[in-house]
PDB file of N, CA and C in Angstrom:
ATOM      1  N   MET A   1      27.701  12.254 -32.248  1.00  0.00           N
ATOM      2  CA  MET A   1      26.369  12.298 -31.697  1.00  0.00           C
ATOM      3  C   MET A   1      25.364  12.327 -32.851  1.00  0.00           C
ATOM      4  N   HIS A   2      24.244  11.650 -32.655  1.00  0.00           N
ATOM      5  CA  HIS A   2      23.203  11.555 -33.666  1.00  0.00           C
ATOM      6  C   HIS A   2      21.912  12.159 -33.131  1.00  0.00           C
ATOM      7  N   CYS A   3      21.123  12.704 -34.025  1.00  0.00           N
ATOM      8  CA  CYS A   3      19.794  13.216 -33.667  1.00  0.00           C
ATOM      9  C   CYS A   3      18.888  12.026 -33.344  1.00  0.00           C
ATOM     10  N   PRO A   4      18.170  12.044 -32.228  1.00  0.00           N
ATOM     11  CA  PRO A   4      17.307  10.903 -31.894  1.00  0.00           C
ATOM     12  C   PRO A   4      16.091  10.785 -32.815  1.00  0.00           C
ATOM     13  N   TYR A   5      15.774  11.828 -33.573  1.00  0.00           N
ATOM     14  CA  TYR A   5      14.593  11.810 -34.429  1.00  0.00           C
ATOM     15  C   TYR A   5      14.915  11.354 -35.849  1.00  0.00           C
ATOM     16  N   CYS A   6      15.956  11.988 -36.479  1.00  0.00           N
ATOM     17  CA  CYS A   6      16.253  11.661 -37.883  1.00  0.00           C
ATOM     18  C   CYS A   6      17.610  10.976 -38.054  1.00  0.00           C
ATOM     19  N   LYS A   7      18.328  10.766 -36.965  1.00  0.00           N
ATOM     20  CA  LYS A   7      19.635  10.081 -36.961  1.00  0.00           C
ATOM     21  C   LYS A   7      20.719  10.843 -37.733  1.00  0.00           C
ATOM     22  N   SER A   8      20.523  12.127 -37.969  1.00  0.00           N
ATOM     23  CA  SER A   8      21.501  12.940 -38.676  1.00  0.00           C
ATOM     24  C   SER A   8      22.666  13.289 -37.742  1.00  0.00           C
ATOM     25  N   THR A   9      23.831  13.575 -38.331  1.00  0.00           N
ATOM     26  CA  THR A   9      24.988  14.001 -37.534  1.00  0.00           C
ATOM     27  C   THR A   9      25.219  15.505 -37.621  1.00  0.00           C
ATOM     28  N   ARG A  10      24.371  16.224 -38.343  1.00  0.00           N
ATOM     29  CA  ARG A  10      24.484  17.677 -38.463  1.00  0.00           C
ATOM     30  C   ARG A  10      23.800  18.324 -37.260  1.00  0.00           C
ATOM     31  N   ILE A  11      24.565  18.497 -36.184  1.00  0.00           N
ATOM     32  CA  ILE A  11      24.030  18.960 -34.908  1.00  0.00           C
ATOM     33  C   ILE A  11      24.839  20.152 -34.426  1.00  0.00           C
ATOM     34  N   ARG A  12      24.140  21.131 -33.822  1.00  0.00           N
ATOM     35  CA  ARG A  12      24.802  22.284 -33.209  1.00  0.00           C
ATOM     36  C   ARG A  12      24.375  22.380 -31.757  1.00  0.00           C
ATOM     37  N   LYS A  13      25.239  22.984 -30.953  1.00  0.00           N
ATOM     38  CA  LYS A  13      24.858  23.271 -29.570  1.00  0.00           C
ATOM     39  C   LYS A  13      23.860  24.425 -29.588  1.00  0.00           C
ATOM     40  N   ASN A  14      22.904  24.363 -28.662  1.00  0.00           N
ATOM     41  CA  ASN A  14      21.843  25.363 -28.656  1.00  0.00           C
ATOM     42  C   ASN A  14      21.556  25.817 -27.225  1.00  0.00           C
ATOM     43  N   GLY A  15      22.588  26.186 -26.486  1.00  0.00           N
ATOM     44  CA  GLY A  15      22.422  26.684 -25.129  1.00  0.00           C
ATOM     45  C   GLY A  15      22.221  25.586 -24.115  1.00  0.00           C
ATOM     46  N   LYS A  16      21.886  26.012 -22.908  1.00  0.00           N
ATOM     47  CA  LYS A  16      21.631  25.050 -21.830  1.00  0.00           C
ATOM     48  C   LYS A  16      20.233  25.265 -21.305  1.00  0.00           C
ATOM     49  N   ARG A  17      19.625  24.184 -20.900  1.00  0.00           N
ATOM     50  CA  ARG A  17      18.287  24.239 -20.335  1.00  0.00           C
ATOM     51  C   ARG A  17      18.278  23.378 -19.085  1.00  0.00           C
ATOM     52  N   ARG A  18      17.961  24.016 -17.955  1.00  0.00           N
ATOM     53  CA  ARG A  18      17.943  23.333 -16.655  1.00  0.00           C
ATOM     54  C   ARG A  18      19.268  22.636 -16.363  1.00  0.00           C
ATOM     55  N   GLY A  19      20.348  23.283 -16.749  1.00  0.00           N
ATOM     56  CA  GLY A  19      21.672  22.776 -16.440  1.00  0.00           C
ATOM     57  C   GLY A  19      22.183  21.704 -17.384  1.00  0.00           C
ATOM     58  N   LYS A  20      21.444  21.370 -18.417  1.00  0.00           N
ATOM     59  CA  LYS A  20      21.874  20.336 -19.363  1.00  0.00           C
ATOM     60  C   LYS A  20      22.056  20.963 -20.744  1.00  0.00           C
ATOM     61  N   GLN A  21      23.021  20.443 -21.489  1.00  0.00           N
ATOM     62  CA  GLN A  21      23.317  20.973 -22.821  1.00  0.00           C
ATOM     63  C   GLN A  21      22.177  20.658 -23.786  1.00  0.00           C
ATOM     64  N   ASN A  22      21.701  21.690 -24.454  1.00  0.00           N
ATOM     65  CA  ASN A  22      20.634  21.545 -25.431  1.00  0.00           C
ATOM     66  C   ASN A  22      21.256  21.533 -26.833  1.00  0.00           C
ATOM     67  N   HIS A  23      20.768  20.690 -27.711  1.00  0.00           N
ATOM     68  CA  HIS A  23      21.296  20.570 -29.063  1.00  0.00           C
ATOM     69  C   HIS A  23      20.200  20.843 -30.079  1.00  0.00           C
ATOM     70  N   PHE A  24      20.626  21.233 -31.272  1.00  0.00           N
ATOM     71  CA  PHE A  24      19.718  21.554 -32.366  1.00  0.00           C
ATOM     72  C   PHE A  24      20.133  20.764 -33.595  1.00  0.00           C
ATOM     73  N   CYS A  25      19.200  20.053 -34.188  1.00  0.00           N
ATOM     74  CA  CYS A  25      19.482  19.296 -35.416  1.00  0.00           C
ATOM     75  C   CYS A  25      19.211  20.205 -36.607  1.00  0.00           C
ATOM     76  N   VAL A  26      20.229  20.391 -37.455  1.00  0.00           N
ATOM     77  CA  VAL A  26      20.104  21.266 -38.617  1.00  0.00           C
ATOM     78  C   VAL A  26      19.205  20.621 -39.667  1.00  0.00           C
ATOM     79  N   THR A  27      19.181  19.312 -39.744  1.00  0.00           N
ATOM     80  CA  THR A  27      18.413  18.607 -40.764  1.00  0.00           C
ATOM     81  C   THR A  27      16.910  18.677 -40.508  1.00  0.00           C
ATOM     82  N   CYS A  28      16.484  18.338 -39.300  1.00  0.00           N
ATOM     83  CA  CYS A  28      15.040  18.269 -39.019  1.00  0.00           C
ATOM     84  C   CYS A  28      14.546  19.427 -38.142  1.00  0.00           C
ATOM     85  N   ASP A  29      15.430  20.358 -37.777  1.00  0.00           N
ATOM     86  CA  ASP A  29      15.067  21.549 -36.984  1.00  0.00           C
ATOM     87  C   ASP A  29      14.416  21.208 -35.644  1.00  0.00           C
ATOM     88  N   ARG A  30      14.886  20.165 -34.998  1.00  0.00           N
ATOM     89  CA  ARG A  30      14.348  19.801 -33.691  1.00  0.00           C
ATOM     90  C   ARG A  30      15.417  19.955 -32.634  1.00  0.00           C
ATOM     91  N   GLN A  31      14.971  20.220 -31.406  1.00  0.00           N
ATOM     92  CA  GLN A  31      15.893  20.351 -30.276  1.00  0.00           C
ATOM     93  C   GLN A  31      15.833  19.088 -29.434  1.00  0.00           C
ATOM     94  N   PHE A  32      16.933  18.780 -28.785  1.00  0.00           N
ATOM     95  CA  PHE A  32      16.969  17.629 -27.887  1.00  0.00           C
ATOM     96  C   PHE A  32      18.120  17.793 -26.907  1.00  0.00           C
ATOM     97  N   ILE A  33      18.077  17.019 -25.866  1.00  0.00           N
ATOM     98  CA  ILE A  33      19.109  16.999 -24.839  1.00  0.00           C
ATOM     99  C   ILE A  33      19.912  15.729 -25.034  1.00  0.00           C
ATOM    100  N   ASP A  34      21.245  15.829 -24.946  1.00  0.00           N
ATOM    101  CA  ASP A  34      22.082  14.664 -25.223  1.00  0.00           C
ATOM    102  C   ASP A  34      21.924  13.566 -24.187  1.00  0.00           C
ATOM    103  N   ILE A  35      21.848  13.925 -22.926  1.00  0.00           N
ATOM    104  CA  ILE A  35      21.708  12.917 -21.868  1.00  0.00           C
ATOM    105  C   ILE A  35      20.359  13.135 -21.205  1.00  0.00           C
ATOM    106  N   TYR A  36      19.467  12.212 -21.401  1.00  0.00           N
ATOM    107  CA  TYR A  36      18.131  12.328 -20.817  1.00  0.00           C
ATOM    108  C   TYR A  36      18.028  11.385 -19.630  1.00  0.00           C
ATOM    109  N   SER A  37      17.653  11.930 -18.494  1.00  0.00           N
ATOM    110  CA  SER A  37      17.399  11.093 -17.321  1.00  0.00           C
ATOM    111  C   SER A  37      15.932  11.262 -16.951  1.00  0.00           C
ATOM    112  N   PRO A  38      15.220  10.162 -16.756  1.00  0.00           N
ATOM    113  CA  PRO A  38      13.802  10.268 -16.430  1.00  0.00           C
ATOM    114  C   PRO A  38      13.614  10.966 -15.088  1.00  0.00           C
ATOM    115  N   PRO A  39      12.458  11.573 -14.866  1.00  0.00           N
ATOM    116  CA  PRO A  39      12.234  12.276 -13.605  1.00  0.00           C
ATOM    117  C   PRO A  39      12.331  11.318 -12.420  1.00  0.00           C
ATOM    118  N   LYS A  40      12.883  11.836 -11.344  1.00  0.00           N
ATOM    119  CA  LYS A  40      13.056  11.018 -10.150  1.00  0.00           C
ATOM    120  C   LYS A  40      11.749  10.979  -9.365  1.00  0.00           C
ATOM    121  N   GLY A  41      11.518   9.875  -8.719  1.00  0.00           N
ATOM    122  CA  GLY A  41      10.312   9.729  -7.915  1.00  0.00           C
ATOM    123  C   GLY A  41      10.652   8.994  -6.630  1.00  0.00           C
ATOM    124  N   TYR A  42       9.635   8.743  -5.839  1.00  0.00           N
ATOM    125  CA  TYR A  42       9.814   8.025  -4.580  1.00  0.00           C
ATOM    126  C   TYR A  42       9.602   6.533  -4.801  1.00  0.00           C
ATOM    127  N   ALA A  43      10.264   5.741  -3.988  1.00  0.00           N
ATOM    128  CA  ALA A  43      10.106   4.290  -4.067  1.00  0.00           C
ATOM    129  C   ALA A  43       8.705   3.908  -3.581  1.00  0.00           C
ATOM    130  N   ASN A  44       8.213   2.791  -4.060  1.00  0.00           N
ATOM    131  CA  ASN A  44       6.883   2.318  -3.655  1.00  0.00           C
ATOM    132  C   ASN A  44       6.817   2.037  -2.161  1.00  0.00           C
ATOM    133  N   GLU A  45       7.938   1.658  -1.555  1.00  0.00           N
ATOM    134  CA  GLU A  45       7.962   1.392  -0.111  1.00  0.00           C
ATOM    135  C   GLU A  45       7.629   2.666   0.674  1.00  0.00           C
ATOM    136  N   ILE A  46       8.253   3.780   0.289  1.00  0.00           N
ATOM    137  CA  ILE A  46       8.002   5.045   0.981  1.00  0.00           C
ATOM    138  C   ILE A  46       6.560   5.483   0.764  1.00  0.00           C
ATOM    139  N   LYS A  47       6.067   5.318  -0.454  1.00  0.00           N
ATOM    140  CA  LYS A  47       4.684   5.694  -0.752  1.00  0.00           C
ATOM    141  C   LYS A  47       3.717   4.880   0.105  1.00  0.00           C
ATOM    142  N   ASN A  48       3.942   3.573   0.201  1.00  0.00           N
ATOM    143  CA  ASN A  48       3.065   2.718   1.012  1.00  0.00           C
ATOM    144  C   ASN A  48       3.150   3.068   2.492  1.00  0.00           C
ATOM    145  N   GLU A  49       4.350   3.377   2.980  1.00  0.00           N
ATOM    146  CA  GLU A  49       4.494   3.758   4.387  1.00  0.00           C
ATOM    147  C   GLU A  49       3.745   5.051   4.678  1.00  0.00           C
ATOM    148  N   CYS A  50       3.823   6.013   3.772  1.00  0.00           N
ATOM    149  CA  CYS A  50       3.115   7.279   3.964  1.00  0.00           C
ATOM    150  C   CYS A  50       1.602   7.065   3.956  1.00  0.00           C
ATOM    151  N   LEU A  51       1.122   6.231   3.045  1.00  0.00           N
ATOM    152  CA  LEU A  51      -0.317   5.970   2.981  1.00  0.00           C
ATOM    153  C   LEU A  51      -0.797   5.215   4.215  1.00  0.00           C
ATOM    154  N   LYS A  52       0.010   4.280   4.721  1.00  0.00           N
ATOM    155  CA  LYS A  52      -0.366   3.563   5.944  1.00  0.00           C
ATOM    156  C   LYS A  52      -0.407   4.508   7.137  1.00  0.00           C
ATOM    157  N   ALA A  53       0.553   5.424   7.207  1.00  0.00           N
ATOM    158  CA  ALA A  53       0.556   6.397   8.306  1.00  0.00           C
ATOM    159  C   ALA A  53      -0.685   7.283   8.228  1.00  0.00           C
ATOM    160  N   TYR A  54      -1.105   7.664   7.023  1.00  0.00           N
ATOM    161  CA  TYR A  54      -2.304   8.487   6.865  1.00  0.00           C
ATOM    162  C   TYR A  54      -3.547   7.714   7.299  1.00  0.00           C
ATOM    163  N   VAL A  55      -3.639   6.455   6.895  1.00  0.00           N
ATOM    164  CA  VAL A  55      -4.796   5.633   7.265  1.00  0.00           C
ATOM    165  C   VAL A  55      -4.844   5.436   8.781  1.00  0.00           C
ATOM    166  N   ASN A  56      -3.681   5.375   9.420  1.00  0.00           N
ATOM    167  CA  ASN A  56      -3.631   5.185  10.869  1.00  0.00           C
ATOM    168  C   ASN A  56      -3.846   6.476  11.653  1.00  0.00           C
ATOM    169  N   GLY A  57      -4.112   7.590  10.949  1.00  0.00           N
ATOM    170  CA  GLY A  57      -4.499   8.813  11.643  1.00  0.00           C
ATOM    171  C   GLY A  57      -3.449   9.904  11.693  1.00  0.00           C
ATOM    172  N   ALA A  58      -2.301   9.717  11.105  1.00  0.00           N
ATOM    173  CA  ALA A  58      -1.275  10.759  11.115  1.00  0.00           C
ATOM    174  C   ALA A  58      -1.657  11.850  10.118  1.00  0.00           C
ATOM    175  N   GLY A  59      -1.329  13.081  10.456  1.00  0.00           N
ATOM    176  CA  GLY A  59      -1.611  14.197   9.561  1.00  0.00           C
ATOM    177  C   GLY A  59      -0.585  14.279   8.448  1.00  0.00           C
ATOM    178  N   PHE A  60      -0.918  15.075   7.423  1.00  0.00           N
ATOM    179  CA  PHE A  60      -0.025  15.193   6.274  1.00  0.00           C
ATOM    180  C   PHE A  60       1.316  15.792   6.666  1.00  0.00           C
ATOM    181  N   ARG A  61       1.305  16.826   7.490  1.00  0.00           N
ATOM    182  CA  ARG A  61       2.563  17.470   7.875  1.00  0.00           C
ATOM    183  C   ARG A  61       3.369  16.613   8.851  1.00  0.00           C
ATOM    184  N   ALA A  62       2.691  15.815   9.650  1.00  0.00           N
ATOM    185  CA  ALA A  62       3.410  14.898  10.536  1.00  0.00           C
ATOM    186  C   ALA A  62       4.150  13.842   9.711  1.00  0.00           C
ATOM    187  N   ILE A  63       3.487  13.342   8.685  1.00  0.00           N
ATOM    188  CA  ILE A  63       4.129  12.364   7.802  1.00  0.00           C
ATOM    189  C   ILE A  63       5.291  13.029   7.078  1.00  0.00           C
ATOM    190  N   GLU A  64       5.116  14.290   6.689  1.00  0.00           N
ATOM    191  CA  GLU A  64       6.194  15.019   6.011  1.00  0.00           C
ATOM    192  C   GLU A  64       7.424  15.109   6.903  1.00  0.00           C
ATOM    193  N   ARG A  65       7.220  15.399   8.175  1.00  0.00           N
ATOM    194  CA  ARG A  65       8.356  15.491   9.105  1.00  0.00           C
ATOM    195  C   ARG A  65       9.029  14.139   9.308  1.00  0.00           C
ATOM    196  N   GLN A  66       8.249  13.071   9.364  1.00  0.00           N
ATOM    197  CA  GLN A  66       8.812  11.746   9.618  1.00  0.00           C
ATOM    198  C   GLN A  66       9.525  11.160   8.408  1.00  0.00           C
ATOM    199  N   LYS A  67       8.909  11.270   7.229  1.00  0.00           N
ATOM    200  CA  LYS A  67       9.417  10.576   6.038  1.00  0.00           C
ATOM    201  C   LYS A  67      10.218  11.467   5.103  1.00  0.00           C
ATOM    202  N   GLY A  68      10.087  12.791   5.240  1.00  0.00           N
ATOM    203  CA  GLY A  68      10.807  13.686   4.352  1.00  0.00           C
ATOM    204  C   GLY A  68      10.155  13.843   2.989  1.00  0.00           C
ATOM    205  N   VAL A  69       8.874  13.516   2.877  1.00  0.00           N
ATOM    206  CA  VAL A  69       8.116  13.658   1.635  1.00  0.00           C
ATOM    207  C   VAL A  69       7.196  14.861   1.804  1.00  0.00           C
ATOM    208  N   HIS A  70       7.144  15.741   0.807  1.00  0.00           N
ATOM    209  CA  HIS A  70       6.330  16.950   0.912  1.00  0.00           C
ATOM    210  C   HIS A  70       4.854  16.599   1.072  1.00  0.00           C
ATOM    211  N   HIS A  71       4.149  17.411   1.875  1.00  0.00           N
ATOM    212  CA  HIS A  71       2.765  17.078   2.198  1.00  0.00           C
ATOM    213  C   HIS A  71       1.843  17.130   0.975  1.00  0.00           C
ATOM    214  N   THR A  72       2.110  17.982  -0.003  1.00  0.00           N
ATOM    215  CA  THR A  72       1.257  18.000  -1.189  1.00  0.00           C
ATOM    216  C   THR A  72       1.435  16.734  -2.029  1.00  0.00           C
ATOM    217  N   THR A  73       2.619  16.141  -1.968  1.00  0.00           N
ATOM    218  CA  THR A  73       2.836  14.865  -2.651  1.00  0.00           C
ATOM    219  C   THR A  73       1.996  13.781  -1.994  1.00  0.00           C
ATOM    220  N   ILE A  74       1.956  13.788  -0.670  1.00  0.00           N
ATOM    221  CA  ILE A  74       1.161  12.793   0.063  1.00  0.00           C
ATOM    222  C   ILE A  74      -0.323  12.984  -0.235  1.00  0.00           C
ATOM    223  N   ILE A  75      -0.767  14.244  -0.305  1.00  0.00           N
ATOM    224  CA  ILE A  75      -2.170  14.522  -0.620  1.00  0.00           C
ATOM    225  C   ILE A  75      -2.517  13.980  -2.001  1.00  0.00           C
ATOM    226  N   SER A  76      -1.631  14.166  -2.971  1.00  0.00           N
ATOM    227  CA  SER A  76      -1.921  13.647  -4.321  1.00  0.00           C
ATOM    228  C   SER A  76      -1.945  12.127  -4.328  1.00  0.00           C
ATOM    229  N   TRP A  77      -1.089  11.485  -3.533  1.00  0.00           N
ATOM    230  CA  TRP A  77      -1.127  10.019  -3.437  1.00  0.00           C
ATOM    231  C   TRP A  77      -2.456   9.553  -2.850  1.00  0.00           C
ATOM    232  N   VAL A  78      -2.935  10.243  -1.817  1.00  0.00           N
ATOM    233  CA  VAL A  78      -4.212   9.870  -1.195  1.00  0.00           C
ATOM    234  C   VAL A  78      -5.347  10.039  -2.200  1.00  0.00           C
ATOM    235  N   LYS A  79      -5.312  11.113  -2.990  1.00  0.00           N
ATOM    236  CA  LYS A  79      -6.345  11.323  -4.006  1.00  0.00           C
ATOM    237  C   LYS A  79      -6.308  10.223  -5.059  1.00  0.00           C
ATOM    238  N   GLN A  80      -5.104   9.808  -5.463  1.00  0.00           N
ATOM    239  CA  GLN A  80      -4.987   8.744  -6.460  1.00  0.00           C
ATOM    240  C   GLN A  80      -5.590   7.447  -5.942  1.00  0.00           C
ATOM    241  N   VAL A  81      -5.313   7.119  -4.690  1.00  0.00           N
ATOM    242  CA  VAL A  81      -5.854   5.891  -4.108  1.00  0.00           C
ATOM    243  C   VAL A  81      -7.363   6.009  -3.959  1.00  0.00           C
ATOM    244  N   GLY A  82      -7.837   7.212  -3.587  1.00  0.00           N
ATOM    245  CA  GLY A  82      -9.275   7.426  -3.424  1.00  0.00           C
ATOM    246  C   GLY A  82     -10.051   7.258  -4.720  1.00  0.00           C
ATOM    247  N   GLU A  83      -9.447   7.629  -5.847  1.00  0.00           N
ATOM    248  CA  GLU A  83     -10.119   7.461  -7.134  1.00  0.00           C
ATOM    249  C   GLU A  83     -10.238   5.995  -7.523  1.00  0.00           C
ATOM    250  N   GLU A  84      -9.375   5.143  -7.000  1.00  0.00           N
ATOM    251  CA  GLU A  84      -9.412   3.721  -7.327  1.00  0.00           C
ATOM    252  C   GLU A  84     -10.431   2.956  -6.479  1.00  0.00           C
ATOM    253  N   LEU A  85     -10.929   3.574  -5.413  1.00  0.00           N
ATOM    254  CA  LEU A  85     -11.894   2.893  -4.553  1.00  0.00           C
ATOM    255  C   LEU A  85     -13.233   2.746  -5.259  1.00  0.00           C
ATOM    256  N   PRO A  86     -14.005   1.712  -4.910  1.00  0.00           N
ATOM    257  CA  PRO A  86     -15.325   1.556  -5.532  1.00  0.00           C
ATOM    258  C   PRO A  86     -16.289   2.630  -5.011  1.00  0.00           C
ATOM    259  N   ASP A  87     -17.353   2.842  -5.763  1.00  0.00           N
ATOM    260  CA  ASP A  87     -18.358   3.817  -5.352  1.00  0.00           C
ATOM    261  C   ASP A  87     -19.065   3.369  -4.076  1.00  0.00           C
ATOM    262  N   ALA A  88     -19.646   4.330  -3.373  1.00  0.00           N
ATOM    263  CA  ALA A  88     -20.381   4.026  -2.139  1.00  0.00           C
ATOM    264  C   ALA A  88     -21.631   3.224  -2.479  1.00  0.00           C
ATOM    265  N   PRO A  89     -22.098   2.369  -1.557  1.00  0.00           N
ATOM    266  CA  PRO A  89     -23.315   1.598  -1.833  1.00  0.00           C
ATOM    267  C   PRO A  89     -24.529   2.530  -1.904  1.00  0.00           C
ATOM    268  N   PRO A  90     -25.596   2.092  -2.546  1.00  0.00           N
ATOM    269  CA  PRO A  90     -26.804   2.926  -2.633  1.00  0.00           C
ATOM    270  C   PRO A  90     -27.373   3.241  -1.253  1.00  0.00           C
ATOM    271  N   ILE A  91     -28.101   4.343  -1.165  1.00  0.00           N
ATOM    272  CA  ILE A  91     -28.647   4.795   0.126  1.00  0.00           C
ATOM    273  C   ILE A  91     -29.699   3.825   0.650  1.00  0.00           C
ATOM    274  N   GLU A  92     -30.375   3.086  -0.225  1.00  0.00           N
ATOM    275  CA  GLU A  92     -31.439   2.179   0.202  1.00  0.00           C
ATOM    276  C   GLU A  92     -30.907   1.047   1.092  1.00  0.00           C
ATOM    277  N   GLU A  93     -29.651   0.691   0.931  1.00  0.00           N
ATOM    278  CA  GLU A  93     -29.091  -0.393   1.732  1.00  0.00           C
ATOM    279  C   GLU A  93     -28.809   0.092   3.140  1.00  0.00           C
ATOM    280  N   ILE A  94     -29.173  -0.704   4.130  1.00  0.00           N
ATOM    281  CA  ILE A  94     -28.912  -0.368   5.527  1.00  0.00           C
ATOM    282  C   ILE A  94     -27.592  -1.022   5.924  1.00  0.00           C
ATOM    283  N   PRO A  95     -26.615  -0.221   6.400  1.00  0.00           N
ATOM    284  CA  PRO A  95     -25.326  -0.816   6.767  1.00  0.00           C
ATOM    285  C   PRO A  95     -25.445  -1.665   8.027  1.00  0.00           C
ATOM    286  N   GLU A  96     -24.591  -2.667   8.136  1.00  0.00           N
ATOM    287  CA  GLU A  96     -24.593  -3.541   9.307  1.00  0.00           C
ATOM    288  C   GLU A  96     -23.868  -2.911  10.483  1.00  0.00           C
ATOM    289  N   VAL A  97     -22.892  -2.053  10.189  1.00  0.00           N
ATOM    290  CA  VAL A  97     -22.085  -1.445  11.237  1.00  0.00           C
ATOM    291  C   VAL A  97     -22.242   0.069  11.138  1.00  0.00           C
ATOM    292  N   GLY A  98     -22.449   0.716  12.284  1.00  0.00           N
ATOM    293  CA  GLY A  98     -22.528   2.173  12.323  1.00  0.00           C
ATOM    294  C   GLY A  98     -21.377   2.727  13.137  1.00  0.00           C
ATOM    295  N   GLU A  99     -21.043   3.970  12.884  1.00  0.00           N
ATOM    296  CA  GLU A  99     -19.920   4.588  13.582  1.00  0.00           C
ATOM    297  C   GLU A  99     -20.389   5.907  14.168  1.00  0.00           C
ATOM    298  N   LEU A 100     -20.059   6.147  15.432  1.00  0.00           N
ATOM    299  CA  LEU A 100     -20.458   7.369  16.116  1.00  0.00           C
ATOM    300  C   LEU A 100     -19.223   8.209  16.362  1.00  0.00           C
ATOM    301  N   ASP A 101     -19.315   9.465  16.027  1.00  0.00           N
ATOM    302  CA  ASP A 101     -18.174  10.358  16.174  1.00  0.00           C
ATOM    303  C   ASP A 101     -18.043  10.793  17.631  1.00  0.00           C
ATOM    304  N   GLU A 102     -16.806  11.018  18.089  1.00  0.00           N
ATOM    305  CA  GLU A 102     -16.559  11.438  19.464  1.00  0.00           C
ATOM    306  C   GLU A 102     -17.088  12.834  19.730  1.00  0.00           C
ATOM    307  N   LEU A 103     -17.161  13.659  18.709  1.00  0.00           N
ATOM    308  CA  LEU A 103     -17.568  15.045  18.879  1.00  0.00           C
ATOM    309  C   LEU A 103     -18.993  15.138  19.409  1.00  0.00           C
ATOM    310  N   GLU A 104     -19.858  14.221  19.023  1.00  0.00           N
ATOM    311  CA  GLU A 104     -21.243  14.260  19.477  1.00  0.00           C
ATOM    312  C   GLU A 104     -21.326  14.068  20.985  1.00  0.00           C
ATOM    313  N   THR A 105     -20.554  13.166  21.541  1.00  0.00           N
ATOM    314  CA  THR A 105     -20.594  12.963  22.983  1.00  0.00           C
ATOM    315  C   THR A 105     -19.972  14.149  23.710  1.00  0.00           C
ATOM    316  N   PHE A 106     -18.971  14.817  23.104  1.00  0.00           N
ATOM    317  CA  PHE A 106     -18.354  15.980  23.729  1.00  0.00           C
ATOM    318  C   PHE A 106     -19.331  17.142  23.782  1.00  0.00           C
ATOM    319  N   VAL A 107     -20.054  17.388  22.706  1.00  0.00           N
ATOM    320  CA  VAL A 107     -21.012  18.491  22.668  1.00  0.00           C
ATOM    321  C   VAL A 107     -22.111  18.243  23.681  1.00  0.00           C
ATOM    322  N   GLY A 108     -22.525  16.998  23.836  1.00  0.00           N
ATOM    323  CA  GLY A 108     -23.572  16.685  24.796  1.00  0.00           C
ATOM    324  C   GLY A 108     -23.140  16.896  26.238  1.00  0.00           C
ATOM    325  N   SER A 109     -21.839  16.872  26.533  1.00  0.00           N
ATOM    326  CA  SER A 109     -21.385  16.987  27.908  1.00  0.00           C
ATOM    327  C   SER A 109     -20.984  18.410  28.287  1.00  0.00           C
ATOM    328  N   LYS A 110     -21.136  19.372  27.371  1.00  0.00           N
ATOM    329  CA  LYS A 110     -20.795  20.749  27.702  1.00  0.00           C
ATOM    330  C   LYS A 110     -21.790  21.297  28.711  1.00  0.00           C
ATOM    331  N   LYS A 111     -21.318  22.189  29.588  1.00  0.00           N
ATOM    332  CA  LYS A 111     -22.201  22.768  30.609  1.00  0.00           C
ATOM    333  C   LYS A 111     -23.117  23.824  29.997  1.00  0.00           C
ATOM    334  N   THR A 112     -22.587  24.625  29.101  1.00  0.00           N
ATOM    335  CA  THR A 112     -23.416  25.623  28.433  1.00  0.00           C
ATOM    336  C   THR A 112     -23.530  25.261  26.973  1.00  0.00           C
ATOM    337  N   LYS A 113     -24.726  25.420  26.453  1.00  0.00           N
ATOM    338  CA  LYS A 113     -24.964  25.010  25.075  1.00  0.00           C
ATOM    339  C   LYS A 113     -24.787  26.163  24.093  1.00  0.00           C
ATOM    340  N   PHE A 114     -24.709  27.422  24.581  1.00  0.00           N
ATOM    341  CA  PHE A 114     -24.594  28.548  23.671  1.00  0.00           C
ATOM    342  C   PHE A 114     -24.017  29.741  24.423  1.00  0.00           C
ATOM    343  N   GLY A 115     -23.596  30.759  23.692  1.00  0.00           N
ATOM    344  CA  GLY A 115     -23.168  32.021  24.260  1.00  0.00           C
ATOM    345  C   GLY A 115     -21.903  31.949  25.091  1.00  0.00           C
ATOM    346  N   TYR A 116     -21.803  32.877  26.055  1.00  0.00           N
ATOM    347  CA  TYR A 116     -20.627  32.989  26.913  1.00  0.00           C
ATOM    348  C   TYR A 116     -20.925  32.464  28.310  1.00  0.00           C
ATOM    349  N   GLY A 117     -21.558  31.370  28.410  1.00  0.00           N
ATOM    350  CA  GLY A 117     -21.901  30.809  29.701  1.00  0.00           C
ATOM    351  C   GLY A 117     -23.247  31.262  30.216  1.00  0.00           C
ATOM    352  N   GLN A 118     -24.003  31.959  29.389  1.00  0.00           N
ATOM    353  CA  GLN A 118     -25.334  32.421  29.796  1.00  0.00           C
ATOM    354  C   GLN A 118     -26.316  31.294  29.664  1.00  0.00           C
ATOM    355  N   GLN A 119     -27.311  31.301  30.500  1.00  0.00           N
ATOM    356  CA  GLN A 119     -28.336  30.266  30.486  1.00  0.00           C
ATOM    357  C   GLN A 119     -29.449  30.602  29.533  1.00  0.00           C
TER     358      GLN A 119
END
């Protein structure tokens, strides 16, 4: 075995870290792991499916139950995509399409507007 930094063969075992054998190079005083595996991640297909489900109105925990991906991972993916979006147009521009929330029509149809049913 050779040191990945100085290519020396003067190597000692130096305990275990996260279940993998840790080594110490006597020549350059550096530590390294003999077998390095890059961190595992999710496939782009799963990431795209989770983002599509979010755009279609599914909640983070619902997506977690369906796809088996932790909800905080999905939240970070949504934040990453949100940072790539362009900035909002200036306020001076009048949009061509407006959107009305359902909550406004629900509040307008309530029988009592305040309190515990008092007029």
